[in-house]
N, C-alpha and C. Protein backbone atom coordinates (compact mmCIF):
# COMPACT_ATOMS: atom_id res chain seq x y z
N UNK A 1 0.82 -1.20 0.00
CA UNK A 1 0.00 0.00 0.00
C UNK A 1 0.85 1.25 0.00
N UNK A 2 2.00 1.22 0.71
CA UNK A 2 2.81 2.41 0.79
C UNK A 2 3.78 2.54 -0.37
N UNK A 3 3.91 1.50 -1.20
CA UNK A 3 4.85 1.57 -2.30
C UNK A 3 4.22 2.16 -3.55
N UNK A 4 4.99 2.97 -4.26
CA UNK A 4 4.55 3.53 -5.52
C UNK A 4 5.76 3.65 -6.41
N UNK A 5 5.59 3.75 -7.73
CA UNK A 5 6.73 3.80 -8.62
C UNK A 5 7.72 4.89 -8.27
N UNK A 6 7.25 6.03 -7.80
CA UNK A 6 8.13 7.14 -7.45
C UNK A 6 8.65 7.08 -6.04
N UNK A 7 8.34 6.05 -5.27
CA UNK A 7 8.80 5.93 -3.90
C UNK A 7 7.65 5.69 -2.94
N UNK A 8 7.97 5.66 -1.65
CA UNK A 8 6.98 5.40 -0.62
C UNK A 8 6.21 6.68 -0.28
N UNK A 9 5.16 6.53 0.52
CA UNK A 9 4.43 7.69 1.02
C UNK A 9 5.40 8.59 1.77
N UNK A 10 6.28 7.97 2.55
CA UNK A 10 7.29 8.74 3.30
C UNK A 10 8.18 9.56 2.39
N UNK A 11 8.54 9.01 1.24
CA UNK A 11 9.36 9.75 0.28
C UNK A 11 8.64 11.00 -0.21
N UNK A 12 7.34 10.86 -0.47
CA UNK A 12 6.57 12.00 -0.99
C UNK A 12 6.40 13.11 0.03
N UNK A 13 6.31 12.75 1.32
CA UNK A 13 6.05 13.75 2.36
C UNK A 13 7.26 14.06 3.23
N UNK A 14 8.44 13.52 2.86
CA UNK A 14 9.64 13.74 3.66
C UNK A 14 10.04 15.20 3.76
N UNK A 15 9.79 15.98 2.72
CA UNK A 15 10.20 17.38 2.70
C UNK A 15 9.25 18.28 3.48
N UNK A 16 8.13 17.74 3.93
CA UNK A 16 7.13 18.54 4.64
C UNK A 16 7.63 18.87 6.04
N UNK A 17 7.65 20.15 6.38
CA UNK A 17 8.11 20.57 7.70
C UNK A 17 7.07 20.26 8.76
N UNK A 18 7.53 19.69 9.88
CA UNK A 18 6.65 19.41 11.01
C UNK A 18 6.48 20.73 11.76
N UNK A 19 5.23 21.22 11.93
CA UNK A 19 5.01 22.51 12.56
C UNK A 19 5.17 22.51 14.08
N UNK A 20 5.37 21.34 14.67
CA UNK A 20 5.43 21.23 16.13
C UNK A 20 6.84 21.45 16.66
N UNK A 21 6.92 21.89 17.90
CA UNK A 21 8.19 21.99 18.61
C UNK A 21 8.67 20.57 18.88
N UNK A 22 9.97 20.32 18.70
CA UNK A 22 10.50 18.95 18.79
C UNK A 22 10.13 18.26 20.10
N UNK A 23 10.18 18.96 21.23
CA UNK A 23 9.92 18.32 22.53
C UNK A 23 8.46 17.92 22.72
N UNK A 24 7.55 18.44 21.87
CA UNK A 24 6.13 18.12 22.02
C UNK A 24 5.67 17.02 21.06
N UNK A 25 6.58 16.46 20.29
CA UNK A 25 6.20 15.46 19.28
C UNK A 25 6.15 14.06 19.89
N UNK A 26 4.95 13.61 20.21
CA UNK A 26 4.78 12.25 20.72
C UNK A 26 4.47 11.27 19.59
N UNK A 27 4.08 11.82 18.43
CA UNK A 27 3.70 11.00 17.28
C UNK A 27 4.45 11.50 16.05
N UNK A 28 4.86 10.57 15.20
CA UNK A 28 5.55 10.91 13.97
C UNK A 28 4.58 11.61 13.00
N UNK A 29 5.08 12.64 12.31
CA UNK A 29 4.24 13.36 11.35
C UNK A 29 3.74 12.41 10.26
N UNK A 30 4.61 11.53 9.76
CA UNK A 30 4.21 10.58 8.73
C UNK A 30 3.07 9.66 9.22
N UNK A 31 3.12 9.27 10.50
CA UNK A 31 2.05 8.44 11.06
C UNK A 31 0.72 9.19 11.01
N UNK A 32 0.73 10.45 11.43
CA UNK A 32 -0.49 11.27 11.41
C UNK A 32 -1.03 11.41 10.00
N UNK A 33 -0.15 11.72 9.05
CA UNK A 33 -0.58 11.92 7.66
C UNK A 33 -1.16 10.64 7.07
N UNK A 34 -0.52 9.51 7.33
CA UNK A 34 -0.96 8.24 6.75
C UNK A 34 -2.30 7.80 7.34
N UNK A 35 -2.44 7.88 8.66
CA UNK A 35 -3.70 7.47 9.29
C UNK A 35 -4.84 8.36 8.81
N UNK A 36 -4.58 9.66 8.72
CA UNK A 36 -5.63 10.60 8.28
C UNK A 36 -6.05 10.30 6.84
N UNK A 37 -5.07 10.08 5.94
CA UNK A 37 -5.42 9.78 4.54
C UNK A 37 -6.22 8.49 4.45
N UNK A 38 -5.78 7.45 5.16
CA UNK A 38 -6.50 6.18 5.11
C UNK A 38 -7.91 6.34 5.68
N UNK A 39 -8.03 7.10 6.77
CA UNK A 39 -9.34 7.32 7.38
C UNK A 39 -10.30 8.02 6.43
N UNK A 40 -9.81 9.06 5.75
CA UNK A 40 -10.66 9.78 4.80
C UNK A 40 -11.05 8.88 3.64
N UNK A 41 -10.11 8.09 3.13
CA UNK A 41 -10.42 7.17 2.04
C UNK A 41 -11.48 6.14 2.44
N UNK A 42 -11.54 5.83 3.73
CA UNK A 42 -12.52 4.85 4.22
C UNK A 42 -13.80 5.51 4.74
N UNK A 43 -13.94 6.82 4.51
CA UNK A 43 -15.21 7.47 4.83
C UNK A 43 -15.24 8.34 6.06
N UNK A 44 -14.14 8.45 6.82
CA UNK A 44 -14.12 9.32 8.00
C UNK A 44 -14.25 10.77 7.56
N UNK A 45 -15.05 11.53 8.26
CA UNK A 45 -15.31 12.91 7.88
C UNK A 45 -14.86 13.92 8.93
N UNK A 46 -14.23 13.46 9.99
CA UNK A 46 -13.77 14.39 11.03
C UNK A 46 -12.62 13.73 11.79
N UNK A 47 -11.91 14.56 12.57
CA UNK A 47 -10.82 14.01 13.39
C UNK A 47 -11.38 13.05 14.43
N UNK A 48 -12.59 13.34 14.92
CA UNK A 48 -13.23 12.47 15.91
C UNK A 48 -13.48 11.09 15.30
N UNK A 49 -13.76 11.00 14.02
CA UNK A 49 -13.97 9.71 13.36
C UNK A 49 -12.65 9.03 12.99
N UNK A 50 -11.59 9.83 12.74
CA UNK A 50 -10.31 9.24 12.34
C UNK A 50 -9.63 8.53 13.51
N UNK A 51 -9.76 9.07 14.73
CA UNK A 51 -9.14 8.41 15.88
C UNK A 51 -9.65 6.98 16.09
N UNK A 52 -10.97 6.72 16.17
CA UNK A 52 -11.41 5.33 16.33
C UNK A 52 -11.10 4.46 15.11
N UNK A 53 -11.08 5.06 13.92
CA UNK A 53 -10.68 4.31 12.73
C UNK A 53 -9.25 3.80 12.93
N UNK A 54 -8.35 4.69 13.36
CA UNK A 54 -6.96 4.30 13.60
C UNK A 54 -6.85 3.21 14.64
N UNK A 55 -7.60 3.33 15.73
CA UNK A 55 -7.56 2.30 16.78
C UNK A 55 -8.10 0.97 16.28
N UNK A 56 -9.13 1.00 15.43
CA UNK A 56 -9.68 -0.25 14.89
C UNK A 56 -8.69 -0.95 13.97
N UNK A 57 -7.82 -0.18 13.31
CA UNK A 57 -6.85 -0.72 12.36
C UNK A 57 -5.42 -0.71 12.93
N UNK A 58 -5.30 -0.61 14.25
CA UNK A 58 -3.99 -0.46 14.88
C UNK A 58 -3.00 -1.56 14.48
N UNK A 59 -3.42 -2.80 14.51
CA UNK A 59 -2.51 -3.90 14.17
C UNK A 59 -2.00 -3.76 12.74
N UNK A 60 -2.88 -3.38 11.82
CA UNK A 60 -2.48 -3.20 10.42
C UNK A 60 -1.49 -2.04 10.30
N UNK A 61 -1.79 -0.89 10.95
CA UNK A 61 -0.90 0.26 10.88
C UNK A 61 0.47 -0.04 11.48
N UNK A 62 0.51 -0.87 12.53
CA UNK A 62 1.81 -1.20 13.15
C UNK A 62 2.71 -1.96 12.19
N UNK A 63 2.15 -2.54 11.14
CA UNK A 63 2.95 -3.26 10.15
C UNK A 63 3.85 -2.37 9.32
N UNK A 64 3.54 -1.05 9.25
CA UNK A 64 4.38 -0.18 8.42
C UNK A 64 4.57 1.23 8.98
N UNK A 65 3.99 1.55 10.13
CA UNK A 65 4.20 2.85 10.76
C UNK A 65 4.94 2.70 12.07
N UNK A 66 5.60 3.76 12.53
CA UNK A 66 6.36 3.72 13.79
C UNK A 66 5.42 3.62 15.00
N UNK A 67 4.44 4.51 15.09
CA UNK A 67 3.46 4.56 16.18
C UNK A 67 4.09 4.38 17.56
N UNK A 68 5.07 5.22 17.95
CA UNK A 68 5.73 5.05 19.24
C UNK A 68 4.79 5.21 20.43
N UNK A 69 3.70 5.96 20.26
CA UNK A 69 2.74 6.16 21.35
C UNK A 69 1.32 5.81 20.93
N UNK A 70 1.20 4.84 20.02
CA UNK A 70 -0.11 4.39 19.58
C UNK A 70 -0.76 5.37 18.61
N UNK A 71 -2.08 5.30 18.51
CA UNK A 71 -2.84 6.16 17.61
C UNK A 71 -3.02 7.52 18.29
N UNK A 72 -2.74 8.60 17.57
CA UNK A 72 -2.92 9.94 18.15
C UNK A 72 -4.40 10.22 18.45
N UNK A 73 -4.63 11.14 19.39
CA UNK A 73 -6.00 11.53 19.72
C UNK A 73 -6.55 12.43 18.61
N UNK A 74 -7.87 12.56 18.58
CA UNK A 74 -8.47 13.44 17.58
C UNK A 74 -8.00 14.88 17.76
N UNK A 75 -7.73 15.30 18.99
CA UNK A 75 -7.21 16.65 19.23
C UNK A 75 -5.84 16.83 18.61
N UNK A 76 -4.99 15.80 18.69
CA UNK A 76 -3.66 15.87 18.08
C UNK A 76 -3.77 16.00 16.58
N UNK A 77 -4.63 15.20 15.95
CA UNK A 77 -4.84 15.32 14.50
C UNK A 77 -5.24 16.75 14.15
N UNK A 78 -6.22 17.28 14.86
CA UNK A 78 -6.72 18.62 14.58
C UNK A 78 -5.66 19.69 14.74
N UNK A 79 -4.88 19.62 15.83
CA UNK A 79 -3.84 20.64 16.06
C UNK A 79 -2.75 20.60 14.98
N UNK A 80 -2.29 19.39 14.64
CA UNK A 80 -1.20 19.27 13.67
C UNK A 80 -1.66 19.72 12.28
N UNK A 81 -2.81 19.25 11.83
CA UNK A 81 -3.28 19.63 10.50
C UNK A 81 -3.62 21.11 10.42
N UNK A 82 -4.07 21.70 11.51
CA UNK A 82 -4.37 23.14 11.50
C UNK A 82 -3.09 23.96 11.35
N UNK A 83 -1.96 23.42 11.79
CA UNK A 83 -0.70 24.17 11.73
C UNK A 83 0.15 23.85 10.51
N UNK A 84 -0.21 22.82 9.74
CA UNK A 84 0.57 22.48 8.54
C UNK A 84 0.46 23.60 7.51
N UNK A 85 1.57 23.88 6.84
CA UNK A 85 1.56 24.86 5.76
C UNK A 85 0.85 24.22 4.56
N UNK A 86 -0.27 24.80 4.09
CA UNK A 86 -1.07 24.12 3.06
C UNK A 86 -0.40 23.99 1.70
N UNK A 87 0.44 24.96 1.29
CA UNK A 87 1.04 24.87 -0.05
C UNK A 87 2.01 23.71 -0.18
N UNK A 88 3.00 23.55 0.74
CA UNK A 88 3.88 22.38 0.63
C UNK A 88 3.11 21.06 0.78
N UNK A 89 2.09 21.05 1.66
CA UNK A 89 1.30 19.83 1.83
C UNK A 89 0.60 19.48 0.52
N UNK A 90 0.03 20.49 -0.14
CA UNK A 90 -0.65 20.24 -1.41
C UNK A 90 0.31 19.71 -2.46
N UNK A 91 1.53 20.28 -2.54
CA UNK A 91 2.51 19.80 -3.52
C UNK A 91 2.87 18.34 -3.26
N UNK A 92 3.08 17.98 -2.00
CA UNK A 92 3.39 16.59 -1.65
C UNK A 92 2.22 15.68 -1.98
N UNK A 93 1.01 16.14 -1.66
CA UNK A 93 -0.19 15.34 -1.89
C UNK A 93 -0.42 15.08 -3.37
N UNK A 94 -0.26 16.13 -4.19
CA UNK A 94 -0.47 15.98 -5.64
C UNK A 94 0.55 15.00 -6.22
N UNK A 95 1.81 15.09 -5.78
CA UNK A 95 2.83 14.15 -6.26
C UNK A 95 2.49 12.72 -5.86
N UNK A 96 1.99 12.54 -4.65
CA UNK A 96 1.60 11.21 -4.17
C UNK A 96 0.43 10.68 -5.00
N UNK A 97 -0.59 11.52 -5.25
CA UNK A 97 -1.74 11.09 -6.04
C UNK A 97 -1.31 10.67 -7.44
N UNK A 98 -0.40 11.42 -8.05
CA UNK A 98 0.09 11.05 -9.40
C UNK A 98 0.70 9.66 -9.39
N UNK A 99 1.49 9.36 -8.36
CA UNK A 99 2.11 8.04 -8.29
C UNK A 99 1.09 6.95 -8.01
N UNK A 100 0.08 7.25 -7.19
CA UNK A 100 -0.97 6.26 -6.93
C UNK A 100 -1.72 5.95 -8.22
N UNK A 101 -2.02 6.98 -8.99
CA UNK A 101 -2.71 6.79 -10.28
C UNK A 101 -1.87 5.90 -11.18
N UNK A 102 -0.56 6.19 -11.26
CA UNK A 102 0.32 5.39 -12.12
C UNK A 102 0.44 3.96 -11.60
N UNK A 103 0.53 3.79 -10.27
CA UNK A 103 0.71 2.46 -9.69
C UNK A 103 -0.51 1.58 -9.91
N UNK A 104 -1.67 2.18 -10.04
CA UNK A 104 -2.89 1.40 -10.24
C UNK A 104 -3.29 1.33 -11.71
N UNK A 105 -2.34 1.62 -12.59
CA UNK A 105 -2.61 1.64 -14.03
C UNK A 105 -3.79 2.54 -14.36
N UNK A 106 -3.93 3.60 -13.57
CA UNK A 106 -5.05 4.50 -13.78
C UNK A 106 -4.59 5.82 -14.35
N UNK A 107 -3.71 5.77 -15.32
CA UNK A 107 -3.23 7.00 -15.94
C UNK A 107 -4.41 7.85 -16.38
N UNK A 108 -4.30 9.15 -16.17
CA UNK A 108 -5.34 10.06 -16.66
C UNK A 108 -5.15 10.11 -18.17
N UNK A 109 -6.06 9.49 -18.89
CA UNK A 109 -5.86 9.27 -20.33
C UNK A 109 -6.81 10.11 -21.16
N UNK A 110 -6.50 10.13 -22.47
CA UNK A 110 -7.34 10.86 -23.41
C UNK A 110 -8.80 10.43 -23.28
N UNK A 111 -9.67 11.42 -23.31
CA UNK A 111 -11.09 11.16 -23.27
C UNK A 111 -11.66 10.97 -21.88
N UNK A 112 -10.81 10.84 -20.86
CA UNK A 112 -11.32 10.69 -19.50
C UNK A 112 -11.97 12.00 -19.06
N UNK A 113 -13.03 11.88 -18.28
CA UNK A 113 -13.72 13.07 -17.77
C UNK A 113 -13.08 13.48 -16.44
N UNK A 114 -12.66 14.75 -16.39
CA UNK A 114 -12.15 15.35 -15.17
C UNK A 114 -13.13 16.45 -14.79
N UNK A 115 -13.85 16.25 -13.69
CA UNK A 115 -14.87 17.21 -13.27
C UNK A 115 -14.27 18.20 -12.28
N UNK A 116 -14.36 19.48 -12.61
CA UNK A 116 -13.87 20.54 -11.73
C UNK A 116 -15.09 21.17 -11.07
N UNK A 117 -15.08 21.20 -9.74
CA UNK A 117 -16.25 21.71 -9.03
C UNK A 117 -15.83 22.24 -7.67
N UNK A 118 -16.60 23.18 -7.15
CA UNK A 118 -16.35 23.75 -5.84
C UNK A 118 -17.23 23.13 -4.78
N UNK A 119 -16.68 23.01 -3.59
CA UNK A 119 -17.41 22.46 -2.45
C UNK A 119 -17.03 23.23 -1.19
N UNK A 120 -18.00 23.42 -0.31
CA UNK A 120 -17.73 24.01 1.00
C UNK A 120 -17.57 22.88 2.00
N UNK A 121 -16.46 22.91 2.76
CA UNK A 121 -16.21 21.85 3.73
C UNK A 121 -17.14 21.97 4.92
N UNK A 122 -17.85 20.90 5.18
CA UNK A 122 -18.78 20.87 6.29
C UNK A 122 -18.05 21.06 7.62
N UNK A 123 -18.62 21.84 8.49
CA UNK A 123 -18.08 22.11 9.83
C UNK A 123 -16.71 22.78 9.82
N UNK A 124 -16.36 23.48 8.76
CA UNK A 124 -15.05 24.14 8.70
C UNK A 124 -15.10 25.59 9.17
N UNK A 125 -16.28 26.10 9.48
CA UNK A 125 -16.39 27.47 9.97
C UNK A 125 -16.21 27.51 11.49
N UNK A 126 -15.91 28.69 12.02
CA UNK A 126 -15.78 28.87 13.46
C UNK A 126 -16.46 30.19 13.80
N UNK A 127 -17.68 30.10 14.29
CA UNK A 127 -18.45 31.32 14.57
C UNK A 127 -17.79 32.17 15.65
N UNK A 128 -17.24 31.50 16.69
CA UNK A 128 -16.63 32.27 17.77
C UNK A 128 -15.41 33.04 17.31
N UNK A 129 -14.62 32.45 16.43
CA UNK A 129 -13.44 33.14 15.90
C UNK A 129 -13.78 34.04 14.72
N UNK A 130 -15.02 33.94 14.23
CA UNK A 130 -15.43 34.75 13.09
C UNK A 130 -14.85 34.30 11.76
N UNK A 131 -14.52 33.00 11.68
CA UNK A 131 -13.96 32.48 10.42
C UNK A 131 -15.04 31.80 9.60
N UNK A 132 -15.02 32.11 8.32
CA UNK A 132 -15.99 31.51 7.40
C UNK A 132 -15.60 30.09 7.07
N UNK A 133 -16.52 29.34 6.51
CA UNK A 133 -16.24 27.97 6.08
C UNK A 133 -15.23 27.95 4.95
N UNK A 134 -14.47 26.87 4.87
CA UNK A 134 -13.45 26.72 3.83
C UNK A 134 -14.14 26.24 2.55
N UNK A 135 -13.83 26.91 1.45
CA UNK A 135 -14.38 26.54 0.15
C UNK A 135 -13.23 26.08 -0.73
N UNK A 136 -13.36 24.90 -1.34
CA UNK A 136 -12.32 24.32 -2.19
C UNK A 136 -12.84 24.10 -3.59
N UNK A 137 -11.92 24.15 -4.56
CA UNK A 137 -12.22 23.72 -5.92
C UNK A 137 -11.42 22.44 -6.13
N UNK A 138 -12.09 21.38 -6.56
CA UNK A 138 -11.46 20.08 -6.73
C UNK A 138 -11.57 19.60 -8.17
N UNK A 139 -10.62 18.75 -8.55
CA UNK A 139 -10.67 18.08 -9.86
C UNK A 139 -10.82 16.59 -9.59
N UNK A 140 -11.92 16.02 -10.06
CA UNK A 140 -12.26 14.61 -9.82
C UNK A 140 -12.09 13.82 -11.12
N UNK A 141 -11.21 12.81 -11.09
CA UNK A 141 -11.02 11.93 -12.24
C UNK A 141 -12.06 10.82 -12.16
N UNK A 142 -13.02 10.85 -13.07
CA UNK A 142 -14.16 9.93 -12.97
C UNK A 142 -13.74 8.46 -13.11
N UNK A 143 -12.87 8.14 -14.05
CA UNK A 143 -12.48 6.74 -14.26
C UNK A 143 -11.64 6.22 -13.10
N UNK A 144 -10.77 7.08 -12.54
CA UNK A 144 -9.92 6.67 -11.43
C UNK A 144 -10.64 6.72 -10.09
N UNK A 145 -11.75 7.49 -10.06
CA UNK A 145 -12.52 7.68 -8.85
C UNK A 145 -11.67 8.26 -7.73
N UNK A 146 -10.92 9.32 -8.07
CA UNK A 146 -10.12 10.00 -7.05
C UNK A 146 -9.97 11.47 -7.38
N UNK A 147 -9.68 12.25 -6.35
CA UNK A 147 -9.44 13.68 -6.50
C UNK A 147 -8.00 13.87 -6.95
N UNK A 148 -7.82 14.53 -8.08
CA UNK A 148 -6.47 14.77 -8.61
C UNK A 148 -5.80 15.96 -7.94
N UNK A 149 -6.59 16.91 -7.47
CA UNK A 149 -6.03 18.09 -6.82
C UNK A 149 -7.13 18.98 -6.29
N UNK A 150 -6.75 19.84 -5.34
CA UNK A 150 -7.68 20.80 -4.76
C UNK A 150 -6.97 22.11 -4.53
N UNK A 151 -7.71 23.21 -4.64
CA UNK A 151 -7.18 24.53 -4.34
C UNK A 151 -8.21 25.25 -3.47
N UNK A 152 -7.74 25.86 -2.40
CA UNK A 152 -8.63 26.61 -1.52
C UNK A 152 -8.99 27.93 -2.19
N UNK A 153 -10.26 28.30 -2.14
CA UNK A 153 -10.73 29.57 -2.68
C UNK A 153 -10.45 30.64 -1.63
N UNK A 154 -9.79 31.72 -2.02
CA UNK A 154 -9.51 32.81 -1.09
C UNK A 154 -10.80 33.35 -0.50
N UNK A 155 -10.73 33.78 0.76
CA UNK A 155 -11.92 34.24 1.48
C UNK A 155 -12.64 35.38 0.76
N UNK A 156 -11.88 36.26 0.12
CA UNK A 156 -12.50 37.42 -0.53
C UNK A 156 -12.56 37.25 -2.04
N UNK A 157 -12.63 36.00 -2.48
CA UNK A 157 -12.66 35.73 -3.92
C UNK A 157 -13.74 34.68 -4.19
N UNK A 158 -13.64 34.04 -5.37
CA UNK A 158 -14.58 32.97 -5.70
C UNK A 158 -13.87 31.93 -6.58
N UNK A 159 -14.64 30.96 -7.06
CA UNK A 159 -14.07 29.85 -7.83
C UNK A 159 -13.38 30.31 -9.12
N UNK A 160 -13.79 31.44 -9.66
CA UNK A 160 -13.24 31.90 -10.94
C UNK A 160 -11.73 32.11 -10.85
N UNK A 161 -11.24 32.54 -9.70
CA UNK A 161 -9.78 32.73 -9.54
C UNK A 161 -9.08 31.43 -9.15
N UNK A 162 -9.79 30.52 -8.50
CA UNK A 162 -9.17 29.28 -8.04
C UNK A 162 -9.06 28.23 -9.13
N UNK A 163 -9.99 28.22 -10.09
CA UNK A 163 -9.98 27.19 -11.14
C UNK A 163 -8.69 27.21 -11.97
N UNK A 164 -8.21 28.39 -12.45
CA UNK A 164 -6.95 28.38 -13.20
C UNK A 164 -5.77 27.88 -12.36
N UNK A 165 -5.76 28.22 -11.07
CA UNK A 165 -4.68 27.74 -10.19
C UNK A 165 -4.72 26.22 -10.07
N UNK A 166 -5.91 25.66 -10.00
CA UNK A 166 -6.05 24.21 -9.93
C UNK A 166 -5.61 23.55 -11.24
N UNK A 167 -6.05 24.09 -12.37
CA UNK A 167 -5.67 23.52 -13.67
C UNK A 167 -4.16 23.57 -13.90
N UNK A 168 -3.49 24.58 -13.32
CA UNK A 168 -2.04 24.67 -13.45
C UNK A 168 -1.32 23.53 -12.74
N UNK A 169 -1.98 22.92 -11.75
CA UNK A 169 -1.38 21.80 -11.02
C UNK A 169 -1.45 20.48 -11.78
N UNK A 170 -2.37 20.41 -12.74
CA UNK A 170 -2.71 19.13 -13.36
C UNK A 170 -2.21 19.00 -14.79
N UNK A 171 -2.04 17.77 -15.22
CA UNK A 171 -1.77 17.47 -16.62
C UNK A 171 -3.02 16.75 -17.14
N UNK A 172 -3.85 17.49 -17.86
CA UNK A 172 -5.11 16.93 -18.33
C UNK A 172 -5.21 16.97 -19.86
N UNK A 173 -4.07 16.93 -20.51
CA UNK A 173 -4.06 16.95 -21.97
C UNK A 173 -4.90 15.81 -22.52
N UNK A 174 -5.83 16.14 -23.42
CA UNK A 174 -6.67 15.14 -24.05
C UNK A 174 -7.88 14.72 -23.24
N UNK A 175 -8.00 15.23 -22.00
CA UNK A 175 -9.15 14.87 -21.17
C UNK A 175 -10.32 15.81 -21.45
N UNK A 176 -11.50 15.36 -21.08
CA UNK A 176 -12.69 16.20 -21.15
C UNK A 176 -12.86 16.82 -19.78
N UNK A 177 -12.66 18.13 -19.69
CA UNK A 177 -12.77 18.84 -18.42
C UNK A 177 -14.16 19.46 -18.33
N UNK A 178 -14.91 19.10 -17.30
CA UNK A 178 -16.24 19.68 -17.11
C UNK A 178 -16.19 20.67 -15.95
N UNK A 179 -16.88 21.79 -16.13
CA UNK A 179 -16.92 22.85 -15.12
C UNK A 179 -18.36 23.37 -15.09
N UNK A 180 -18.85 23.71 -13.89
CA UNK A 180 -20.21 24.22 -13.81
C UNK A 180 -20.28 25.65 -14.35
N UNK A 181 -21.47 26.23 -14.30
CA UNK A 181 -21.71 27.54 -14.93
C UNK A 181 -20.77 28.63 -14.43
N UNK A 182 -20.45 28.62 -13.13
CA UNK A 182 -19.57 29.66 -12.61
C UNK A 182 -18.19 29.65 -13.28
N UNK A 183 -17.72 28.46 -13.62
CA UNK A 183 -16.40 28.34 -14.23
C UNK A 183 -16.38 28.54 -15.73
N UNK A 184 -17.54 28.72 -16.34
CA UNK A 184 -17.60 28.90 -17.80
C UNK A 184 -17.29 30.35 -18.15
N UNK A 185 -16.04 30.70 -18.02
CA UNK A 185 -15.57 32.06 -18.29
C UNK A 185 -14.60 32.00 -19.48
N UNK A 186 -14.64 33.02 -20.30
CA UNK A 186 -13.75 33.06 -21.47
C UNK A 186 -12.29 32.96 -21.05
N UNK A 187 -11.92 33.67 -19.98
CA UNK A 187 -10.52 33.66 -19.53
C UNK A 187 -10.09 32.26 -19.10
N UNK A 188 -10.96 31.52 -18.44
CA UNK A 188 -10.62 30.16 -18.01
C UNK A 188 -10.46 29.24 -19.22
N UNK A 189 -11.38 29.36 -20.18
CA UNK A 189 -11.29 28.52 -21.39
C UNK A 189 -10.01 28.84 -22.16
N UNK A 190 -9.65 30.11 -22.26
CA UNK A 190 -8.42 30.48 -22.96
C UNK A 190 -7.19 29.97 -22.22
N UNK A 191 -7.19 30.08 -20.91
CA UNK A 191 -6.06 29.61 -20.11
C UNK A 191 -5.85 28.12 -20.35
N UNK A 192 -6.93 27.36 -20.34
CA UNK A 192 -6.85 25.92 -20.53
C UNK A 192 -6.29 25.60 -21.91
N UNK A 193 -6.79 26.27 -22.95
CA UNK A 193 -6.29 26.02 -24.29
C UNK A 193 -4.86 26.53 -24.46
N UNK A 194 -4.58 27.68 -23.86
CA UNK A 194 -3.28 28.30 -24.04
C UNK A 194 -2.13 27.51 -23.45
N UNK A 195 -2.41 26.67 -22.42
CA UNK A 195 -1.34 25.89 -21.82
C UNK A 195 -1.17 24.54 -22.51
N UNK A 196 -1.99 24.26 -23.52
CA UNK A 196 -1.83 23.01 -24.27
C UNK A 196 -2.41 21.80 -23.60
N UNK A 197 -3.31 22.01 -22.63
CA UNK A 197 -3.92 20.85 -21.97
C UNK A 197 -5.03 20.30 -22.82
């Protein structure tokens, strides 16, 4: 599961800086990232759901993760992910997804439908802190049944500015890219054609 043509999951995320102070690290960053990704792939929708998922699969995770202090608490997952720098994390994640696609013979090929759409993350707002919900634009590869990439929409902007940034991350040459009405802008269509995708 952790092996891919371009290296292991650890290889893809090795360059990611751990935001925690060294003396407070009871759990390896790679352990947190791997358990969270597996939990989300299996349907977990919150840190509270990822913790019991990790405990249920503890024996399996011990086969390839360090887990010096067992499965982290949901609070630990929340604190670490809240402090991770999103741009380097996204770059590592996109590289990992590309290798997973290649490893499963799921190359994004000519004629495949890649759906670009915006979604608001449930429970991502904080009324007490006055923070709005997080809105993302994602690219979904229909044949591979996976998200190829995501870009966060700036708080004072909309999907129209995020879609070109997302398309710049992807290689979708020969694919059929679908976008809803908001994304049907002349500038976006020109950007897509102009980059040779």
